[in-house]
């Protein structure tokens, strides 16, 4: 099982400059590269200080010049927010900039907050339809001289420029959850990104079952890869682990409020959560966060990840967004590299 890093710039205090967050993001990716991580993944989000990533290709092209080995992935671009020709061109340019190190993850998106601003009237059904049209459209575009007449996009014969260095195109990954999305991804020959969020190891196993069923449904397709994305924290002792649990609890309560679009937003910041807000989420109680995320001492994290490896996951992505300051993120990442990863060499 290989390891990757999943990160965004995240800000909860207007006093923290964006430039400092950008430099910290760069530092974490460079540490991950030196530590032997396979890939660094950055997603797409809009109008949210909680998750700052308006165009992952900009971040990845910048990081390509600061790194030499680690692969660089979109985790993920939101299909409805892109035109296929524009997306194919950005993919080609970023693959050139990274000397053929690009991976492309694509999703339908999830935040109603973003749908309302980027694509008014869009719902999950329409977003899913655009994702399903986008994937084969991209594959045909990369072959060149492709004309498209679809439900959501139409254009005359086009060849995207520039062409990617990786041929026929960089690896494509689809964010999947339900059985239909797994089946679609596998049928198209795409790798699969999954996350259990904070649902626990039962969901980790269930997601693999859905992937295995999709692979069995398509014996004609070589088995793709599957990646598990999960919030991770490695503490040196019980005190550090307890602090990590508290931060992750706050992150998930904040995530849920953003997802449901329930709190006032001013200058890109959501109104701070109070004790009453935290009490609204018993599913994020400290003991459940500790059990349902990969949080613990190095030995505890190793034991947990060994079960994921045994399930058949090809890649485990360390989701480092966490409501923590940079110094604690960095220490956790270094503990993971130095004391967890050697057990999987």
Protein backbone atom coordinates (compact mmCIF):
# COMPACT_ATOMS: atom_id res chain seq x y z
CA UNK A 1 0.00 0.00 0.00
CA UNK A 2 1.40 3.37 -1.06
CA UNK A 3 0.90 6.64 0.82
CA UNK A 4 -0.11 10.08 -0.38
CA UNK A 5 -0.86 13.47 1.14
CA UNK A 6 -4.19 15.29 0.71
CA UNK A 7 -4.18 18.96 1.66
CA UNK A 8 -5.62 22.43 1.14
CA UNK A 9 -4.92 25.83 2.57
CA UNK A 10 -7.38 26.24 5.46
CA UNK A 11 -7.96 29.45 7.42
CA UNK A 12 -10.05 30.17 10.51
CA UNK A 13 -8.47 33.50 11.52
CA UNK A 14 -8.27 36.58 9.29
CA UNK A 15 -4.99 37.50 10.97
CA UNK A 16 -3.27 34.55 9.26
CA UNK A 17 -1.98 35.74 5.85
CA UNK A 18 -2.80 33.67 2.79
CA UNK A 19 0.87 33.83 1.76
CA UNK A 20 1.86 32.10 5.00
CA UNK A 21 -0.67 29.34 4.32
CA UNK A 22 0.65 28.95 0.77
CA UNK A 23 4.23 28.61 2.03
CA UNK A 24 3.13 26.08 4.66
CA UNK A 25 1.31 24.03 2.01
CA UNK A 26 4.51 24.00 -0.06
CA UNK A 27 6.60 22.95 2.94
CA UNK A 28 4.29 20.04 3.77
CA UNK A 29 4.42 18.73 0.18
CA UNK A 30 8.23 18.94 0.16
CA UNK A 31 8.39 17.01 3.44
CA UNK A 32 6.03 14.39 1.97
CA UNK A 33 8.22 14.05 -1.10
CA UNK A 34 11.37 13.57 0.93
CA UNK A 35 9.50 11.08 3.11
CA UNK A 36 8.62 8.85 0.17
CA UNK A 37 4.97 9.75 -0.42
CA UNK A 38 3.58 8.70 -3.79
CA UNK A 39 1.35 11.72 -4.54
CA UNK A 40 0.21 15.09 -3.20
CA UNK A 41 -3.49 15.77 -3.86
CA UNK A 42 -5.21 19.19 -3.90
CA UNK A 43 -8.91 19.75 -4.55
CA UNK A 44 -11.15 22.51 -5.88
CA UNK A 45 -13.31 24.78 -3.73
CA UNK A 46 -14.68 28.28 -4.08
CA UNK A 47 -15.49 31.18 -1.76
CA UNK A 48 -14.56 29.30 1.42
CA UNK A 49 -11.72 30.22 3.77
CA UNK A 50 -12.34 26.78 5.29
CA UNK A 51 -10.94 25.13 2.14
CA UNK A 52 -8.92 27.43 -0.11
CA UNK A 53 -8.37 25.87 -3.55
CA UNK A 54 -9.98 27.75 -6.47
CA UNK A 55 -7.94 25.95 -9.14
CA UNK A 56 -5.76 22.98 -8.16
CA UNK A 57 -3.82 23.15 -11.43
CA UNK A 58 -2.27 26.45 -10.31
CA UNK A 59 -1.08 24.90 -7.04
CA UNK A 60 0.18 21.78 -8.79
CA UNK A 61 2.08 23.67 -11.51
CA UNK A 62 3.76 25.73 -8.80
CA UNK A 63 4.59 22.62 -6.76
CA UNK A 64 5.97 20.94 -9.88
CA UNK A 65 8.77 23.52 -9.90
CA UNK A 66 9.47 22.93 -6.20
CA UNK A 67 9.59 19.12 -6.37
CA UNK A 68 11.08 16.46 -8.60
CA UNK A 69 9.71 13.03 -7.65
CA UNK A 70 6.30 13.17 -6.00
CA UNK A 71 3.27 12.84 -8.25
CA UNK A 72 0.79 15.72 -8.17
CA UNK A 73 -2.94 15.12 -8.30
CA UNK A 74 -6.25 16.94 -8.40
CA UNK A 75 -8.27 15.62 -5.54
CA UNK A 76 -10.63 16.61 -7.10
CA UNK A 77 -11.74 18.99 -9.86
CA UNK A 78 -15.52 19.53 -9.85
CA UNK A 79 -16.80 18.39 -13.25
CA UNK A 80 -19.83 20.73 -13.54
CA UNK A 81 -17.61 23.79 -13.06
CA UNK A 82 -15.48 23.00 -16.14
CA UNK A 83 -15.88 22.84 -19.90
CA UNK A 84 -14.28 19.63 -21.25
CA UNK A 85 -12.00 21.47 -23.69
CA UNK A 86 -10.74 23.84 -20.99
CA UNK A 87 -10.19 20.99 -18.55
CA UNK A 88 -8.30 18.93 -21.13
CA UNK A 89 -6.03 21.89 -21.90
CA UNK A 90 -5.29 22.55 -18.22
CA UNK A 91 -4.48 18.87 -17.76
CA UNK A 92 -2.09 18.91 -20.71
CA UNK A 93 -0.28 22.06 -19.57
CA UNK A 94 0.08 20.89 -15.97
CA UNK A 95 1.33 17.49 -17.07
CA UNK A 96 4.01 19.23 -19.12
CA UNK A 97 4.91 21.52 -16.20
CA UNK A 98 5.28 18.51 -13.89
CA UNK A 99 7.27 16.47 -16.42
CA UNK A 100 4.57 13.80 -16.57
CA UNK A 101 3.75 13.59 -12.85
CA UNK A 102 0.06 14.57 -12.99
CA UNK A 103 -2.88 12.48 -11.78
CA UNK A 104 -6.41 13.77 -12.41
CA UNK A 105 -9.18 13.16 -9.89
CA UNK A 106 -12.69 14.26 -10.89
CA UNK A 107 -15.87 14.52 -8.81
CA UNK A 108 -19.40 15.86 -9.07
CA UNK A 109 -18.92 18.23 -6.10
CA UNK A 110 -20.92 18.26 -2.90
CA UNK A 111 -21.31 21.68 -1.26
CA UNK A 112 -24.65 23.37 -1.95
CA UNK A 113 -22.87 26.62 -0.99
CA UNK A 114 -20.67 26.22 -4.07
CA UNK A 115 -23.45 25.03 -6.37
CA UNK A 116 -25.48 28.16 -5.53
CA UNK A 117 -22.58 30.41 -6.53
CA UNK A 118 -20.84 28.56 -9.34
CA UNK A 119 -23.85 26.91 -11.01
CA UNK A 120 -27.22 28.18 -9.70
CA UNK A 121 -29.91 25.53 -9.89
CA UNK A 122 -27.48 22.63 -10.02
CA UNK A 123 -28.37 19.62 -7.87
CA UNK A 124 -26.57 16.34 -7.14
CA UNK A 125 -28.37 14.53 -9.97
CA UNK A 126 -27.36 17.08 -12.58
CA UNK A 127 -23.82 17.23 -11.20
CA UNK A 128 -23.54 13.44 -11.43
CA UNK A 129 -24.77 13.50 -15.01
CA UNK A 130 -22.10 16.02 -15.95
CA UNK A 131 -19.41 13.88 -14.33
CA UNK A 132 -20.55 10.84 -16.33
CA UNK A 133 -20.48 12.82 -19.56
CA UNK A 134 -17.15 14.48 -18.76
CA UNK A 135 -15.05 11.32 -18.31
CA UNK A 136 -15.54 9.68 -21.73
CA UNK A 137 -15.52 13.10 -23.36
CA UNK A 138 -12.06 13.80 -21.92
CA UNK A 139 -10.77 10.41 -23.03
CA UNK A 140 -11.92 11.11 -26.58
CA UNK A 141 -10.53 14.64 -26.56
CA UNK A 142 -7.07 13.39 -25.63
CA UNK A 143 -7.16 11.18 -28.72
CA UNK A 144 -7.60 14.39 -30.77
CA UNK A 145 -9.98 15.70 -33.43
CA UNK A 146 -13.07 14.89 -31.38
CA UNK A 147 -16.52 16.43 -31.88
CA UNK A 148 -19.06 16.08 -29.08
CA UNK A 149 -22.85 16.21 -29.04
CA UNK A 150 -24.00 15.44 -25.51
CA UNK A 151 -26.70 16.32 -23.03
CA UNK A 152 -24.60 18.96 -21.28
CA UNK A 153 -21.88 20.01 -23.76
CA UNK A 154 -21.62 20.25 -27.54
CA UNK A 155 -18.68 21.39 -29.65
CA UNK A 156 -17.19 20.80 -33.12
CA UNK A 157 -14.05 18.78 -33.86
CA UNK A 158 -11.39 19.83 -31.36
CA UNK A 159 -7.92 18.78 -30.27
CA UNK A 160 -6.96 20.18 -26.85
CA UNK A 161 -3.61 21.96 -26.73
CA UNK A 162 -1.11 21.26 -25.31
CA UNK A 163 -1.16 17.48 -25.29
CA UNK A 164 -0.13 15.83 -22.01
CA UNK A 165 3.29 14.25 -21.71
CA UNK A 166 1.76 11.02 -20.39
CA UNK A 167 0.07 9.11 -23.17
CA UNK A 168 -2.69 8.56 -23.92
CA UNK A 169 -3.38 10.83 -20.92
CA UNK A 170 -2.58 11.12 -17.19
CA UNK A 171 -4.25 8.58 -14.89
CA UNK A 172 -7.90 9.46 -14.27
CA UNK A 173 -9.49 8.95 -10.85
CA UNK A 174 -13.19 9.23 -10.01
CA UNK A 175 -14.47 10.09 -6.55
CA UNK A 176 -17.02 7.36 -5.79
CA UNK A 177 -19.33 6.41 -2.95
CA UNK A 178 -22.48 4.57 -4.06
CA UNK A 179 -22.34 1.31 -6.06
CA UNK A 180 -23.39 3.03 -9.29
CA UNK A 181 -20.50 5.50 -9.16
CA UNK A 182 -18.04 2.65 -8.49
CA UNK A 183 -19.49 0.75 -11.43
CA UNK A 184 -19.25 3.78 -13.72
CA UNK A 185 -15.63 4.51 -12.76
CA UNK A 186 -14.48 0.93 -13.30
CA UNK A 187 -16.40 0.63 -16.59
CA UNK A 188 -14.46 3.65 -17.88
CA UNK A 189 -11.10 2.23 -16.78
CA UNK A 190 -10.66 4.91 -14.13
CA UNK A 191 -9.05 4.55 -10.74
CA UNK A 192 -11.28 5.22 -7.73
CA UNK A 193 -10.93 7.63 -4.82
CA UNK A 194 -13.08 6.93 -1.76
CA UNK A 195 -13.41 8.43 1.69
CA UNK A 196 -15.27 7.11 4.68
CA UNK A 197 -15.21 10.62 6.20
CA UNK A 198 -15.83 9.90 9.90
CA UNK A 199 -18.09 6.86 9.45
CA UNK A 200 -15.60 4.29 10.76
CA UNK A 201 -14.05 1.05 9.60
CA UNK A 202 -17.38 -0.53 8.67
CA UNK A 203 -17.65 2.05 5.90
CA UNK A 204 -14.01 1.45 4.91
CA UNK A 205 -14.81 -2.22 4.35
CA UNK A 206 -18.12 -1.43 2.62
CA UNK A 207 -16.45 0.92 0.14
CA UNK A 208 -14.01 -1.83 -0.81
CA UNK A 209 -16.91 -4.26 -1.26
CA UNK A 210 -18.57 -1.81 -3.67
CA UNK A 211 -15.33 -1.48 -5.62
CA UNK A 212 -14.79 -5.23 -5.77
CA UNK A 213 -18.36 -5.73 -7.00
CA UNK A 214 -17.78 -3.16 -9.75
CA UNK A 215 -14.58 -4.92 -10.80
CA UNK A 216 -16.44 -8.24 -10.91
CA UNK A 217 -19.10 -6.63 -13.11
CA UNK A 218 -16.44 -5.61 -15.64
CA UNK A 219 -13.99 -8.49 -16.11
CA UNK A 220 -13.07 -7.01 -19.48
CA UNK A 221 -11.44 -4.01 -17.75
CA UNK A 222 -8.00 -4.40 -16.08
CA UNK A 223 -8.48 -3.89 -12.35
CA UNK A 224 -8.01 -0.18 -11.53
CA UNK A 225 -6.46 1.19 -8.34
CA UNK A 226 -8.44 2.30 -5.30
CA UNK A 227 -7.37 4.96 -2.80
CA UNK A 228 -8.73 5.51 0.69
CA UNK A 229 -8.73 9.13 1.87
CA UNK A 230 -8.99 9.66 5.61
CA UNK A 231 -8.17 12.26 8.22
CA UNK A 232 -5.04 11.14 10.00
CA UNK A 233 -3.11 12.30 13.04
CA UNK A 234 -0.10 10.73 14.71
CA UNK A 235 0.69 11.84 18.24
CA UNK A 236 3.77 11.11 20.28
CA UNK A 237 1.77 10.45 23.46
CA UNK A 238 -1.76 10.36 24.85
CA UNK A 239 -1.84 14.12 25.48
CA UNK A 240 -1.05 14.88 21.83
CA UNK A 241 -3.57 12.31 20.64
CA UNK A 242 -6.31 13.84 22.83
CA UNK A 243 -5.57 17.29 21.40
CA UNK A 244 -5.72 15.83 17.88
CA UNK A 245 -9.12 14.29 18.60
CA UNK A 246 -10.47 17.65 19.78
CA UNK A 247 -9.25 19.45 16.67
CA UNK A 248 -10.67 16.79 14.35
CA UNK A 249 -14.00 17.00 16.15
CA UNK A 250 -14.13 20.75 15.53
CA UNK A 251 -13.09 20.27 11.91
CA UNK A 252 -15.93 17.83 11.24
CA UNK A 253 -18.54 19.96 12.97
CA UNK A 254 -17.36 22.90 10.86
CA UNK A 255 -17.38 20.71 7.74
CA UNK A 256 -20.97 19.65 8.42
CA UNK A 257 -22.13 23.23 8.89
CA UNK A 258 -20.49 24.23 5.59
CA UNK A 259 -21.93 21.17 3.86
CA UNK A 260 -25.45 21.95 5.05
CA UNK A 261 -24.98 25.68 4.41
CA UNK A 262 -26.48 26.45 7.81
CA UNK A 263 -24.37 29.24 9.34
CA UNK A 264 -23.90 32.87 8.27
CA UNK A 265 -20.86 33.50 6.04
CA UNK A 266 -19.00 36.81 6.19
CA UNK A 267 -15.87 37.60 4.17
CA UNK A 268 -15.50 33.91 3.38
CA UNK A 269 -15.53 32.88 7.06
CA UNK A 270 -18.34 30.91 8.64
CA UNK A 271 -19.61 32.22 11.97
CA UNK A 272 -17.58 30.56 14.74
CA UNK A 273 -19.05 27.41 16.25
CA UNK A 274 -20.22 27.57 19.86
CA UNK A 275 -20.79 24.77 22.38
CA UNK A 276 -24.40 24.43 21.23
CA UNK A 277 -23.23 23.88 17.65
CA UNK A 278 -20.79 21.18 18.76
CA UNK A 279 -23.51 19.46 20.80
CA UNK A 280 -25.63 19.16 17.61
CA UNK A 281 -23.26 16.48 16.31
CA UNK A 282 -23.19 13.50 18.68
CA UNK A 283 -21.77 11.47 15.77
CA UNK A 284 -18.61 13.56 16.20
CA UNK A 285 -18.26 13.00 19.92
CA UNK A 286 -14.60 12.63 20.96
CA UNK A 287 -14.77 8.87 21.49
CA UNK A 288 -16.30 8.38 18.02
CA UNK A 289 -13.77 10.63 16.33
CA UNK A 290 -10.99 8.64 17.98
CA UNK A 291 -12.48 5.34 16.81
CA UNK A 292 -13.63 6.37 13.34
CA UNK A 293 -10.56 8.27 12.12
CA UNK A 294 -6.94 7.16 11.99
CA UNK A 295 -5.74 8.95 15.11
CA UNK A 296 -3.27 7.57 17.61
CA UNK A 297 0.32 6.80 18.49
CA UNK A 298 2.55 5.34 15.75
CA UNK A 299 1.89 1.75 16.81
CA UNK A 300 -1.87 2.31 16.90
CA UNK A 301 -1.83 3.90 13.45
CA UNK A 302 0.27 1.06 12.02
CA UNK A 303 -2.18 -1.55 13.30
CA UNK A 304 -5.13 0.33 11.83
CA UNK A 305 -3.53 0.80 8.42
CA UNK A 306 -2.49 -2.84 8.22
CA UNK A 307 -6.19 -3.74 8.19
CA UNK A 308 -6.75 -1.37 5.25
CA UNK A 309 -3.84 -2.88 3.38
CA UNK A 310 -5.30 -6.35 3.98
CA UNK A 311 -8.64 -5.20 2.53
CA UNK A 312 -6.83 -4.44 -0.72
CA UNK A 313 -6.41 -0.65 -0.80
CA UNK A 314 -3.65 0.35 -3.21
CA UNK A 315 -3.12 3.79 -1.71
CA UNK A 316 -3.86 5.47 1.61
CA UNK A 317 -4.09 9.26 1.56
CA UNK A 318 -3.19 11.16 4.72
CA UNK A 319 -5.82 13.96 4.89
CA UNK A 320 -3.98 16.65 6.84
CA UNK A 321 -6.65 19.41 6.92
CA UNK A 322 -7.56 19.35 10.57
CA UNK A 323 -8.16 22.72 12.29
CA UNK A 324 -4.55 22.45 13.59
CA UNK A 325 -1.70 24.91 13.26
CA UNK A 326 1.18 24.20 10.90
CA UNK A 327 3.63 23.07 13.57
CA UNK A 328 1.33 20.30 14.81
CA UNK A 329 0.50 19.18 11.29
CA UNK A 330 4.21 19.02 10.47
CA UNK A 331 5.06 17.00 13.59
CA UNK A 332 2.25 14.53 12.88
CA UNK A 333 3.40 14.14 9.27
CA UNK A 334 7.01 13.58 10.32
CA UNK A 335 5.97 10.97 12.90
CA UNK A 336 3.98 9.22 10.17
CA UNK A 337 6.98 9.22 7.83
CA UNK A 338 9.55 8.17 10.40
CA UNK A 339 7.60 5.73 12.55
CA UNK A 340 4.60 4.48 10.53
CA UNK A 341 5.69 4.18 6.92
CA UNK A 342 8.72 1.91 7.63
CA UNK A 343 6.25 -0.79 8.68
CA UNK A 344 4.96 -0.82 5.10
CA UNK A 345 8.31 -0.73 3.28
